[in-house]
C-alpha atoms as a PDB file:
ATOM      1  CA  UNK A   1       7.062  -9.811  20.656  1.00  0.00           C
ATOM      2  CA  UNK A   2       7.883  -6.279  20.903  1.00  0.00           C
ATOM      3  CA  UNK A   3       5.795  -5.503  17.743  1.00  0.00           C
ATOM      4  CA  UNK A   4       2.983  -6.822  19.976  1.00  0.00           C
ATOM      5  CA  UNK A   5       3.872  -3.852  22.900  1.00  0.00           C
ATOM      6  CA  UNK A   6       4.404  -0.983  20.640  1.00  0.00           C
ATOM      7  CA  UNK A   7       1.107  -1.958  18.768  1.00  0.00           C
ATOM      8  CA  UNK A   8      -0.410  -2.095  21.879  1.00  0.00           C
ATOM      9  CA  UNK A   9       1.075   1.173  23.471  1.00  0.00           C
ATOM     10  CA  UNK A  10      -0.068   2.591  20.041  1.00  0.00           C
ATOM     11  CA  UNK A  11      -3.640   1.614  20.414  1.00  0.00           C
ATOM     12  CA  UNK A  12      -3.712   2.967  23.895  1.00  0.00           C
ATOM     13  CA  UNK A  13      -2.061   6.504  23.581  1.00  0.00           C
ATOM     14  CA  UNK A  14      -4.294   6.789  20.123  1.00  0.00           C
ATOM     15  CA  UNK A  15      -7.249   6.633  22.371  1.00  0.00           C
ATOM     16  CA  UNK A  16      -6.350   8.554  25.245  1.00  0.00           C
ATOM     17  CA  UNK A  17      -4.870  11.182  22.815  1.00  0.00           C
ATOM     18  CA  UNK A  18      -8.157  11.745  20.833  1.00  0.00           C
ATOM     19  CA  UNK A  19     -10.928  10.657  23.107  1.00  0.00           C
ATOM     20  CA  UNK A  20     -12.621   9.742  19.808  1.00  0.00           C
ATOM     21  CA  UNK A  21     -13.142   6.014  20.754  1.00  0.00           C
ATOM     22  CA  UNK A  22     -15.693   3.694  21.053  1.00  0.00           C
ATOM     23  CA  UNK A  23     -16.975   5.640  24.023  1.00  0.00           C
ATOM     24  CA  UNK A  24     -16.890   8.924  21.777  1.00  0.00           C
ATOM     25  CA  UNK A  25     -19.192   7.395  19.301  1.00  0.00           C
ATOM     26  CA  UNK A  26     -19.523  10.097  16.478  1.00  0.00           C
ATOM     27  CA  UNK A  27     -21.895   9.161  13.472  1.00  0.00           C
ATOM     28  CA  UNK A  28     -20.162   9.502   9.788  1.00  0.00           C
ATOM     29  CA  UNK A  29     -23.388  11.550   8.859  1.00  0.00           C
ATOM     30  CA  UNK A  30     -21.550  14.859  10.287  1.00  0.00           C
ATOM     31  CA  UNK A  31     -18.491  16.149  11.839  1.00  0.00           C
ATOM     32  CA  UNK A  32     -14.502  15.879  10.711  1.00  0.00           C
ATOM     33  CA  UNK A  33     -13.915  12.819   8.842  1.00  0.00           C
ATOM     34  CA  UNK A  34     -10.313  11.506   9.505  1.00  0.00           C
ATOM     35  CA  UNK A  35      -8.465   9.646   6.992  1.00  0.00           C
ATOM     36  CA  UNK A  36      -5.534   7.217   8.570  1.00  0.00           C
ATOM     37  CA  UNK A  37      -2.621   6.832   6.192  1.00  0.00           C
ATOM     38  CA  UNK A  38      -0.865   4.239   8.267  1.00  0.00           C
ATOM     39  CA  UNK A  39       2.718   4.715   6.723  1.00  0.00           C
ATOM     40  CA  UNK A  40       5.164   7.722   6.848  1.00  0.00           C
ATOM     41  CA  UNK A  41       4.343  10.671   3.577  1.00  0.00           C
ATOM     42  CA  UNK A  42       5.366  10.101   0.261  1.00  0.00           C
ATOM     43  CA  UNK A  43       3.923   6.574  -0.205  1.00  0.00           C
ATOM     44  CA  UNK A  44       0.793   5.512  -2.085  1.00  0.00           C
ATOM     45  CA  UNK A  45      -0.865   5.274   1.303  1.00  0.00           C
ATOM     46  CA  UNK A  46      -0.366   8.680   2.062  1.00  0.00           C
ATOM     47  CA  UNK A  47      -0.531   9.611  -1.494  1.00  0.00           C
ATOM     48  CA  UNK A  48      -3.941   8.379  -2.174  1.00  0.00           C
ATOM     49  CA  UNK A  49      -5.591   9.589   1.612  1.00  0.00           C
ATOM     50  CA  UNK A  50      -4.321  13.089   0.454  1.00  0.00           C
ATOM     51  CA  UNK A  51      -6.130  12.453  -3.083  1.00  0.00           C
ATOM     52  CA  UNK A  52      -9.471  11.168  -1.250  1.00  0.00           C
ATOM     53  CA  UNK A  53      -9.622  13.976   0.799  1.00  0.00           C
ATOM     54  CA  UNK A  54      -9.242  16.577  -2.441  1.00  0.00           C
ATOM     55  CA  UNK A  55     -11.981  15.098  -4.044  1.00  0.00           C
ATOM     56  CA  UNK A  56     -14.165  14.737  -1.289  1.00  0.00           C
ATOM     57  CA  UNK A  57     -13.883  18.475  -0.879  1.00  0.00           C
ATOM     58  CA  UNK A  58     -16.126  18.563  -4.299  1.00  0.00           C
ATOM     59  CA  UNK A  59     -17.894  15.686  -3.730  1.00  0.00           C
ATOM     60  CA  UNK A  60     -18.934  16.996  -0.116  1.00  0.00           C
ATOM     61  CA  UNK A  61     -18.200  20.664   0.333  1.00  0.00           C
ATOM     62  CA  UNK A  62     -19.978  20.856   4.041  1.00  0.00           C
ATOM     63  CA  UNK A  63     -17.765  17.845   5.099  1.00  0.00           C
ATOM     64  CA  UNK A  64     -14.467  18.569   6.769  1.00  0.00           C
ATOM     65  CA  UNK A  65     -11.574  15.882   6.164  1.00  0.00           C
ATOM     66  CA  UNK A  66      -8.351  15.969   7.500  1.00  0.00           C
ATOM     67  CA  UNK A  67      -5.401  13.214   6.935  1.00  0.00           C
ATOM     68  CA  UNK A  68      -2.755  12.154   9.333  1.00  0.00           C
ATOM     69  CA  UNK A  69      -0.294   9.769   9.268  1.00  0.00           C
ATOM     70  CA  UNK A  70       0.381   6.665  11.623  1.00  0.00           C
ATOM     71  CA  UNK A  71       3.811   5.162  10.221  1.00  0.00           C
ATOM     72  CA  UNK A  72       5.283   1.450  11.248  1.00  0.00           C
ATOM     73  CA  UNK A  73       4.935  -2.292  10.867  1.00  0.00           C
ATOM     74  CA  UNK A  74       3.572  -2.055   7.489  1.00  0.00           C
ATOM     75  CA  UNK A  75       1.053  -0.326   8.610  1.00  0.00           C
ATOM     76  CA  UNK A  76      -0.080  -2.635  11.585  1.00  0.00           C
ATOM     77  CA  UNK A  77       0.124   0.243  13.634  1.00  0.00           C
ATOM     78  CA  UNK A  78      -1.751   1.891  12.561  1.00  0.00           C
ATOM     79  CA  UNK A  79      -4.756  -1.006  12.291  1.00  0.00           C
ATOM     80  CA  UNK A  80      -4.279  -1.323  16.173  1.00  0.00           C
ATOM     81  CA  UNK A  81      -4.802   2.238  16.919  1.00  0.00           C
ATOM     82  CA  UNK A  82      -8.021   1.950  14.283  1.00  0.00           C
ATOM     83  CA  UNK A  83      -9.351  -1.124  16.247  1.00  0.00           C
ATOM     84  CA  UNK A  84      -8.986   1.391  19.671  1.00  0.00           C
ATOM     85  CA  UNK A  85     -11.752   3.255  17.831  1.00  0.00           C
ATOM     86  CA  UNK A  86     -14.785   0.733  17.525  1.00  0.00           C
ATOM     87  CA  UNK A  87     -18.108   2.108  16.669  1.00  0.00           C
ATOM     88  CA  UNK A  88     -16.546   5.838  15.732  1.00  0.00           C
ATOM     89  CA  UNK A  89     -18.330   6.449  12.131  1.00  0.00           C
ATOM     90  CA  UNK A  90     -16.073   9.600  11.555  1.00  0.00           C
ATOM     91  CA  UNK A  91     -12.622   7.311  10.737  1.00  0.00           C
ATOM     92  CA  UNK A  92     -11.593   5.790   7.645  1.00  0.00           C
ATOM     93  CA  UNK A  93      -7.635   4.222   7.494  1.00  0.00           C
ATOM     94  CA  UNK A  94      -6.572   3.708   4.052  1.00  0.00           C
ATOM     95  CA  UNK A  95      -4.886  -0.037   3.671  1.00  0.00           C
ATOM     96  CA  UNK A  96      -4.377  -2.829   0.959  1.00  0.00           C
ATOM     97  CA  UNK A  97      -2.268  -5.593  -0.218  1.00  0.00           C
ATOM     98  CA  UNK A  98       1.060  -4.305   1.602  1.00  0.00           C
ATOM     99  CA  UNK A  99      -1.260  -4.861   4.777  1.00  0.00           C
ATOM    100  CA  UNK A 100      -2.646  -8.075   3.651  1.00  0.00           C
ATOM    101  CA  UNK A 101       0.898  -9.065   3.736  1.00  0.00           C
ATOM    102  CA  UNK A 102       2.072  -7.329   6.752  1.00  0.00           C
ATOM    103  CA  UNK A 103      -0.131  -8.733   8.928  1.00  0.00           C
ATOM    104  CA  UNK A 104       1.088 -11.980   7.893  1.00  0.00           C
ATOM    105  CA  UNK A 105       4.348 -11.032   7.700  1.00  0.00           C
ATOM    106  CA  UNK A 106       4.586  -9.313  11.361  1.00  0.00           C
ATOM    107  CA  UNK A 107       2.649 -11.947  12.931  1.00  0.00           C
ATOM    108  CA  UNK A 108       0.153  -8.920  14.045  1.00  0.00           C
ATOM    109  CA  UNK A 109      -2.442 -10.016  16.987  1.00  0.00           C
ATOM    110  CA  UNK A 110      -4.505  -6.950  14.994  1.00  0.00           C
ATOM    111  CA  UNK A 111      -6.359  -8.485  11.706  1.00  0.00           C
ATOM    112  CA  UNK A 112      -8.629  -7.252   8.997  1.00  0.00           C
ATOM    113  CA  UNK A 113     -11.638  -9.016  11.065  1.00  0.00           C
ATOM    114  CA  UNK A 114     -11.110  -5.945  13.507  1.00  0.00           C
ATOM    115  CA  UNK A 115     -12.489  -3.600  10.821  1.00  0.00           C
ATOM    116  CA  UNK A 116     -15.250  -2.611   8.602  1.00  0.00           C
ATOM    117  CA  UNK A 117     -14.656  -3.111   4.696  1.00  0.00           C
ATOM    118  CA  UNK A 118     -15.868   0.231   3.294  1.00  0.00           C
ATOM    119  CA  UNK A 119     -14.565  -0.283  -0.177  1.00  0.00           C
ATOM    120  CA  UNK A 120     -12.009  -1.059  -2.513  1.00  0.00           C
ATOM    121  CA  UNK A 121     -10.924   1.657  -4.656  1.00  0.00           C
ATOM    122  CA  UNK A 122      -7.884   1.803  -6.866  1.00  0.00           C
ATOM    123  CA  UNK A 123      -5.503  -1.617  -8.306  1.00  0.00           C
ATOM    124  CA  UNK A 124      -1.736  -0.229  -9.479  1.00  0.00           C
ATOM    125  CA  UNK A 125       1.001  -2.138 -11.606  1.00  0.00           C
ATOM    126  CA  UNK A 126       4.898  -2.210  -9.781  1.00  0.00           C
ATOM    127  CA  UNK A 127       7.818  -1.071 -11.296  1.00  0.00           C
ATOM    128  CA  UNK A 128      11.284  -1.980 -10.956  1.00  0.00           C
ATOM    129  CA  UNK A 129      14.212   0.889 -11.176  1.00  0.00           C
ATOM    130  CA  UNK A 130      17.457   1.304 -11.022  1.00  0.00           C
ATOM    131  CA  UNK A 131      19.831   4.786 -10.205  1.00  0.00           C
ATOM    132  CA  UNK A 132      19.832   6.563 -13.632  1.00  0.00           C
ATOM    133  CA  UNK A 133      23.919   6.099 -13.044  1.00  0.00           C
ATOM    134  CA  UNK A 134      23.422   2.218 -12.253  1.00  0.00           C
ATOM    135  CA  UNK A 135      25.646  -0.046 -14.676  1.00  0.00           C
ATOM    136  CA  UNK A 136      22.502  -2.116 -15.049  1.00  0.00           C
ATOM    137  CA  UNK A 137      20.969  -0.860 -18.467  1.00  0.00           C
ATOM    138  CA  UNK A 138      18.090  -4.054 -18.368  1.00  0.00           C
ATOM    139  CA  UNK A 139      16.549  -6.257 -16.254  1.00  0.00           C
ATOM    140  CA  UNK A 140      18.612  -9.142 -17.602  1.00  0.00           C
ATOM    141  CA  UNK A 141      21.997  -7.655 -16.550  1.00  0.00           C
ATOM    142  CA  UNK A 142      20.050  -6.714 -13.042  1.00  0.00           C
ATOM    143  CA  UNK A 143      19.694 -10.690 -13.022  1.00  0.00           C
ATOM    144  CA  UNK A 144      22.389 -12.056 -13.857  1.00  0.00           C
ATOM    145  CA  UNK A 145      24.412  -9.623 -11.001  1.00  0.00           C
ATOM    146  CA  UNK A 146      21.909 -11.127  -8.820  1.00  0.00           C
ATOM    147  CA  UNK A 147      22.180 -14.732  -9.647  1.00  0.00           C
ATOM    148  CA  UNK A 148      26.094 -14.378  -9.066  1.00  0.00           C
ATOM    149  CA  UNK A 149      25.650 -12.959  -5.584  1.00  0.00           C
ATOM    150  CA  UNK A 150      22.439 -12.248  -4.061  1.00  0.00           C
ATOM    151  CA  UNK A 151      23.998 -10.450  -1.027  1.00  0.00           C
ATOM    152  CA  UNK A 152      24.920  -7.577  -3.273  1.00  0.00           C
ATOM    153  CA  UNK A 153      22.191  -6.683  -4.445  1.00  0.00           C
ATOM    154  CA  UNK A 154      20.251  -4.000  -2.730  1.00  0.00           C
ATOM    155  CA  UNK A 155      16.512  -3.827  -3.079  1.00  0.00           C
ATOM    156  CA  UNK A 156      14.653  -0.724  -1.575  1.00  0.00           C
ATOM    157  CA  UNK A 157      10.774  -1.160  -1.002  1.00  0.00           C
ATOM    158  CA  UNK A 158       8.021  -1.029   1.084  1.00  0.00           C
ATOM    159  CA  UNK A 159       7.086  -3.189   4.660  1.00  0.00           C
ATOM    160  CA  UNK A 160       8.131  -5.955   4.911  1.00  0.00           C
ATOM    161  CA  UNK A 161       5.992  -8.863   3.681  1.00  0.00           C
ATOM    162  CA  UNK A 162       4.251  -5.806   1.290  1.00  0.00           C
ATOM    163  CA  UNK A 163       3.220  -6.051  -2.114  1.00  0.00           C
ATOM    164  CA  UNK A 164       7.330  -5.082  -3.045  1.00  0.00           C
ATOM    165  CA  UNK A 165       8.343  -7.864  -1.263  1.00  0.00           C
ATOM    166  CA  UNK A 166       6.551  -9.969  -2.532  1.00  0.00           C
ATOM    167  CA  UNK A 167       7.240  -8.940  -6.120  1.00  0.00           C
ATOM    168  CA  UNK A 168      11.258  -8.787  -5.098  1.00  0.00           C
ATOM    169  CA  UNK A 169      10.610 -12.357  -3.576  1.00  0.00           C
ATOM    170  CA  UNK A 170       8.791 -13.493  -7.087  1.00  0.00           C
ATOM    171  CA  UNK A 171      11.646 -12.304  -8.973  1.00  0.00           C
ATOM    172  CA  UNK A 172      13.917 -14.310  -6.952  1.00  0.00           C
ATOM    173  CA  UNK A 173      12.080 -17.162  -7.722  1.00  0.00           C
ATOM    174  CA  UNK A 174      11.941 -16.545 -11.001  1.00  0.00           C
ATOM    175  CA  UNK A 175      14.965 -15.977 -11.741  1.00  0.00           C
ATOM    176  CA  UNK A 176      15.979 -18.939  -9.899  1.00  0.00           C
ATOM    177  CA  UNK A 177      17.568 -16.779  -6.760  1.00  0.00           C
ATOM    178  CA  UNK A 178      16.199 -18.452  -3.848  1.00  0.00           C
ATOM    179  CA  UNK A 179      13.700 -15.746  -2.143  1.00  0.00           C
ATOM    180  CA  UNK A 180      15.117 -16.211   1.365  1.00  0.00           C
ATOM    181  CA  UNK A 181      18.156 -14.937   0.338  1.00  0.00           C
ATOM    182  CA  UNK A 182      16.853 -11.180  -0.931  1.00  0.00           C
ATOM    183  CA  UNK A 183      18.697  -8.282   0.384  1.00  0.00           C
ATOM    184  CA  UNK A 184      15.426  -6.821   0.644  1.00  0.00           C
ATOM    185  CA  UNK A 185      15.497  -3.395   2.636  1.00  0.00           C
ATOM    186  CA  UNK A 186      11.694  -2.647   3.879  1.00  0.00           C
ATOM    187  CA  UNK A 187      10.688   1.226   4.566  1.00  0.00           C
ATOM    188  CA  UNK A 188       7.259   2.371   6.222  1.00  0.00           C
ATOM    189  CA  UNK A 189       6.998   5.226   3.261  1.00  0.00           C
ATOM    190  CA  UNK A 190       8.015   5.560  -0.120  1.00  0.00           C
ATOM    191  CA  UNK A 191       9.872   8.878   0.550  1.00  0.00           C
ATOM    192  CA  UNK A 192      12.640   7.111   2.183  1.00  0.00           C
ATOM    193  CA  UNK A 193      13.094   4.373  -0.827  1.00  0.00           C
ATOM    194  CA  UNK A 194      13.356   6.867  -3.200  1.00  0.00           C
ATOM    195  CA  UNK A 195      15.660   8.725  -1.431  1.00  0.00           C
ATOM    196  CA  UNK A 196      18.254   5.860  -1.230  1.00  0.00           C
ATOM    197  CA  UNK A 197      17.457   5.391  -4.688  1.00  0.00           C
ATOM    198  CA  UNK A 198      18.681   9.236  -5.535  1.00  0.00           C
ATOM    199  CA  UNK A 199      21.305   8.835  -3.505  1.00  0.00           C
ATOM    200  CA  UNK A 200      22.494   5.584  -5.400  1.00  0.00           C
ATOM    201  CA  UNK A 201      22.703   3.439  -1.681  1.00  0.00           C
ATOM    202  CA  UNK A 202      20.855   0.583  -3.182  1.00  0.00           C
ATOM    203  CA  UNK A 203      20.781  -1.129  -6.237  1.00  0.00           C
ATOM    204  CA  UNK A 204      17.157  -1.164  -6.788  1.00  0.00           C
ATOM    205  CA  UNK A 205      14.267  -0.075  -6.253  1.00  0.00           C
ATOM    206  CA  UNK A 206      10.794  -1.131  -6.334  1.00  0.00           C
ATOM    207  CA  UNK A 207       6.869   0.571  -5.664  1.00  0.00           C
ATOM    208  CA  UNK A 208       3.812   1.781  -7.224  1.00  0.00           C
ATOM    209  CA  UNK A 209       4.310   3.429 -11.068  1.00  0.00           C
ATOM    210  CA  UNK A 210       2.803   6.198  -9.489  1.00  0.00           C
ATOM    211  CA  UNK A 211       5.332   6.516  -7.270  1.00  0.00           C
ATOM    212  CA  UNK A 212       8.163   6.486  -9.287  1.00  0.00           C
ATOM    213  CA  UNK A 213       7.316   7.752 -12.717  1.00  0.00           C
ATOM    214  CA  UNK A 214       7.839  11.159 -12.545  1.00  0.00           C
ATOM    215  CA  UNK A 215      11.487  10.484 -11.764  1.00  0.00           C
ATOM    216  CA  UNK A 216      11.760   7.796 -14.625  1.00  0.00           C
ATOM    217  CA  UNK A 217      10.363  10.304 -17.330  1.00  0.00           C
ATOM    218  CA  UNK A 218      12.686  12.999 -15.708  1.00  0.00           C
ATOM    219  CA  UNK A 219      15.763  10.988 -16.157  1.00  0.00           C
ATOM    220  CA  UNK A 220      17.132  10.500 -12.328  1.00  0.00           C
ATOM    221  CA  UNK A 221      15.671   6.662 -12.264  1.00  0.00           C
ATOM    222  CA  UNK A 222      15.809   3.772 -15.062  1.00  0.00           C
ATOM    223  CA  UNK A 223      13.206   1.881 -15.348  1.00  0.00           C
ATOM    224  CA  UNK A 224      13.931  -1.686 -16.035  1.00  0.00           C
ATOM    225  CA  UNK A 225      10.568  -3.373 -15.813  1.00  0.00           C
ATOM    226  CA  UNK A 226       6.730  -3.015 -15.134  1.00  0.00           C
ATOM    227  CA  UNK A 227       4.339  -6.127 -13.057  1.00  0.00           C
ATOM    228  CA  UNK A 228       1.430  -5.530 -15.660  1.00  0.00           C
ATOM    229  CA  UNK A 229       0.842  -8.190 -18.432  1.00  0.00           C
ATOM    230  CA  UNK A 230       1.314  -5.666 -21.473  1.00  0.00           C
ATOM    231  CA  UNK A 231       3.154  -2.410 -21.654  1.00  0.00           C
ATOM    232  CA  UNK A 232       1.497   0.491 -19.898  1.00  0.00           C
ATOM    233  CA  UNK A 233       0.416   3.517 -22.498  1.00  0.00           C
ATOM    234  CA  UNK A 234       1.717   5.976 -19.576  1.00  0.00           C
ATOM    235  CA  UNK A 235       5.409   4.922 -18.653  1.00  0.00           C
ATOM    236  CA  UNK A 236       8.072   3.864 -21.182  1.00  0.00           C
ATOM    237  CA  UNK A 237       9.052   0.415 -19.556  1.00  0.00           C
ATOM    238  CA  UNK A 238       8.932  -2.961 -20.540  1.00  0.00           C
ATOM    239  CA  UNK A 239       7.036  -6.155 -18.864  1.00  0.00           C
ATOM    240  CA  UNK A 240       8.812  -7.934 -16.377  1.00  0.00           C
ATOM    241  CA  UNK A 241       7.720 -10.920 -18.978  1.00  0.00           C
ATOM    242  CA  UNK A 242       9.518  -8.570 -21.578  1.00  0.00           C
ATOM    243  CA  UNK A 243      12.932  -9.384 -19.814  1.00  0.00           C
ATOM    244  CA  UNK A 244      12.416 -12.988 -18.802  1.00  0.00           C
ATOM    245  CA  UNK A 245      10.943 -12.882 -15.959  1.00  0.00           C
ATOM    246  CA  UNK A 246       7.099 -14.639 -15.653  1.00  0.00           C
ATOM    247  CA  UNK A 247       6.249 -12.290 -13.066  1.00  0.00           C
ATOM    248  CA  UNK A 248       3.080 -10.409 -12.995  1.00  0.00           C
ATOM    249  CA  UNK A 249       0.736  -8.792 -10.327  1.00  0.00           C
ATOM    250  CA  UNK A 250      -1.405  -5.744  -9.191  1.00  0.00           C
ATOM    251  CA  UNK A 251      -1.329  -3.754  -5.644  1.00  0.00           C
ATOM    252  CA  UNK A 252      -4.662  -2.262  -4.870  1.00  0.00           C
ATOM    253  CA  UNK A 253      -5.495   0.010  -1.912  1.00  0.00           C
ATOM    254  CA  UNK A 254      -9.137   0.537  -0.381  1.00  0.00           C
ATOM    255  CA  UNK A 255     -10.560   1.977   2.758  1.00  0.00           C
ATOM    256  CA  UNK A 256     -11.934   0.383   5.871  1.00  0.00           C
ATOM    257  CA  UNK A 257     -13.609   1.713   8.852  1.00  0.00           C
ATOM    258  CA  UNK A 258     -13.558   0.524  12.635  1.00  0.00           C
ATOM    259  CA  UNK A 259     -15.181  -2.090  13.693  1.00  0.00           C
ATOM    260  CA  UNK A 260     -18.682  -2.070  15.645  1.00  0.00           C
ATOM    261  CA  UNK A 261     -20.321   0.338  13.150  1.00  0.00           C
ATOM    262  CA  UNK A 262     -24.408   0.925  13.141  1.00  0.00           C
ATOM    263  CA  UNK A 263     -25.685   0.232   9.605  1.00  0.00           C
ATOM    264  CA  UNK A 264     -26.349   3.876   9.547  1.00  0.00           C
ATOM    265  CA  UNK A 265     -22.829   4.998   9.850  1.00  0.00           C
ATOM    266  CA  UNK A 266     -21.892   2.038   7.584  1.00  0.00           C
ATOM    267  CA  UNK A 267     -23.737   3.095   4.966  1.00  0.00           C
ATOM    268  CA  UNK A 268     -23.497   6.742   5.179  1.00  0.00           C
ATOM    269  CA  UNK A 269     -19.487   6.199   4.999  1.00  0.00           C
ATOM    270  CA  UNK A 270     -19.698   3.882   2.336  1.00  0.00           C
ATOM    271  CA  UNK A 271     -21.953   6.450   0.203  1.00  0.00           C
ATOM    272  CA  UNK A 272     -19.669   9.124   0.729  1.00  0.00           C
ATOM    273  CA  UNK A 273     -16.807   7.411  -0.565  1.00  0.00           C
ATOM    274  CA  UNK A 274     -19.189   6.582  -3.420  1.00  0.00           C
ATOM    275  CA  UNK A 275     -19.543   9.879  -4.137  1.00  0.00           C
ATOM    276  CA  UNK A 276     -16.024  10.829  -4.146  1.00  0.00           C
ATOM    277  CA  UNK A 277     -15.736   7.702  -6.280  1.00  0.00           C
ATOM    278  CA  UNK A 278     -17.834   9.946  -9.005  1.00  0.00           C
ATOM    279  CA  UNK A 279     -16.373  13.228  -8.566  1.00  0.00           C
ATOM    280  CA  UNK A 280     -14.121  14.319 -11.588  1.00  0.00           C
ATOM    281  CA  UNK A 281     -11.677  15.383  -9.143  1.00  0.00           C
ATOM    282  CA  UNK A 282     -11.103  11.412  -8.157  1.00  0.00           C
ATOM    283  CA  UNK A 283     -11.397  10.310 -12.073  1.00  0.00           C
ATOM    284  CA  UNK A 284      -8.787  13.021 -13.282  1.00  0.00           C
ATOM    285  CA  UNK A 285      -6.646  11.815 -10.020  1.00  0.00           C
ATOM    286  CA  UNK A 286      -6.858   8.211 -11.309  1.00  0.00           C
ATOM    287  CA  UNK A 287      -6.085   9.219 -14.452  1.00  0.00           C
ATOM    288  CA  UNK A 288      -3.344  11.172 -14.128  1.00  0.00           C
ATOM    289  CA  UNK A 289      -1.464   8.688 -11.596  1.00  0.00           C
ATOM    290  CA  UNK A 290      -1.775   5.915 -13.568  1.00  0.00           C
ATOM    291  CA  UNK A 291      -4.208   3.948 -11.089  1.00  0.00           C
ATOM    292  CA  UNK A 292      -6.566   1.037 -12.252  1.00  0.00           C
ATOM    293  CA  UNK A 293     -10.859   2.265 -11.523  1.00  0.00           C
ATOM    294  CA  UNK A 294     -11.929  -1.275  -9.399  1.00  0.00           C
ATOM    295  CA  UNK A 295     -14.389   0.199  -7.176  1.00  0.00           C
ATOM    296  CA  UNK A 296     -16.008  -2.426  -5.060  1.00  0.00           C
ATOM    297  CA  UNK A 297     -18.389  -1.938  -1.826  1.00  0.00           C
ATOM    298  CA  UNK A 298     -20.796  -3.897   0.289  1.00  0.00           C
ATOM    299  CA  UNK A 299     -20.358  -7.766   0.505  1.00  0.00           C
ATOM    300  CA  UNK A 300     -18.404  -7.835  -2.814  1.00  0.00           C
ATOM    301  CA  UNK A 301     -15.619  -5.716  -1.257  1.00  0.00           C
ATOM    302  CA  UNK A 302     -15.778  -8.329   2.232  1.00  0.00           C
ATOM    303  CA  UNK A 303     -15.479 -10.961   0.244  1.00  0.00           C
ATOM    304  CA  UNK A 304     -12.404 -10.073  -1.969  1.00  0.00           C
ATOM    305  CA  UNK A 305     -10.505  -8.870   1.056  1.00  0.00           C
ATOM    306  CA  UNK A 306     -10.895 -12.670   2.320  1.00  0.00           C
ATOM    307  CA  UNK A 307     -10.155 -14.194  -0.547  1.00  0.00           C
ATOM    308  CA  UNK A 308      -6.853 -11.699  -0.864  1.00  0.00           C
ATOM    309  CA  UNK A 309      -6.305 -12.527   2.589  1.00  0.00           C
ATOM    310  CA  UNK A 310      -6.022 -16.379   2.299  1.00  0.00           C
ATOM    311  CA  UNK A 311      -3.687 -15.477  -1.147  1.00  0.00           C
ATOM    312  CA  UNK A 312      -1.059 -13.638  -0.057  1.00  0.00           C
ATOM    313  CA  UNK A 313      -0.764 -15.766   3.168  1.00  0.00           C
ATOM    314  CA  UNK A 314      -0.306 -18.765   0.697  1.00  0.00           C
ATOM    315  CA  UNK A 315       2.493 -16.442  -1.095  1.00  0.00           C
ATOM    316  CA  UNK A 316       4.477 -15.921   1.505  1.00  0.00           C
ATOM    317  CA  UNK A 317       5.147 -18.938   2.989  1.00  0.00           C
ATOM    318  CA  UNK A 318       5.914 -19.891  -0.861  1.00  0.00           C
ATOM    319  CA  UNK A 319       8.136 -17.216  -0.749  1.00  0.00           C
ATOM    320  CA  UNK A 320       9.594 -17.867   2.352  1.00  0.00           C
ATOM    321  CA  UNK A 321       9.194 -14.048   4.218  1.00  0.00           C
ATOM    322  CA  UNK A 322       7.702 -15.085   7.144  1.00  0.00           C
ATOM    323  CA  UNK A 323       9.912 -13.903   9.795  1.00  0.00           C
END
């Protein structure tokens, strides 16, 4: 109930403050394009949003673009605000698998049915890490401690019900630990989870590879496993399957816009994002961050989004992650 009230208030206050909701209208062919990262700075959505902003400066130099953050509840606070922007063709929201899970976990009254799917952008595997000083040298070490006393193994990650949480639940199930006993510490942004790891305040952390990779390479964090089927060329880390846990999962991210767009605005946004995707700065960033290019637009992305909602709903129910 508290979440529903907060979401409603956020949507109302945002519409009042910006004055650019359905009444303000707007066309995506001109004006400032705003990209909402529905999480705190430092995480995957924030990183994707700001990477897109930089790529758009090359792909569409005449178009002003700005990124802003709306953290809270796995992106559902931002989603509620987006729902209040019906018909606004100058707004995109970065989202992905995390939000699909958070909608289920938080029983959000606003869903992705109240958005316009624009494009799926990337996929990224997850990584499980521990602080450099951790006594757990391998995944097997961590699993042994986990099975002995699940409550003593704290796992820091992103939003409740999101990709990191799902990975923790799947790992627990594969290890023979009750997923409901996972001591999972949720955060609205990757920066918070990282600070806990670097401060030795948690046992382990789970996030997208790009968020932890540089700290693994520098020796500040130790990688215990990645959720890919095979080892990743850009990072020296075993897979979870090599460590004895049969878990494989890829996170994904994309863009949605408010509902109620005209066909003209929808096409203009899709064309703009396609131009961004084809730009060299975007391609360079995808390679640098170890992302997987999985670009989809139109009905193909809309169909994918529908199938993901059904799949994630099943996983969360199976893992017992619904509060």
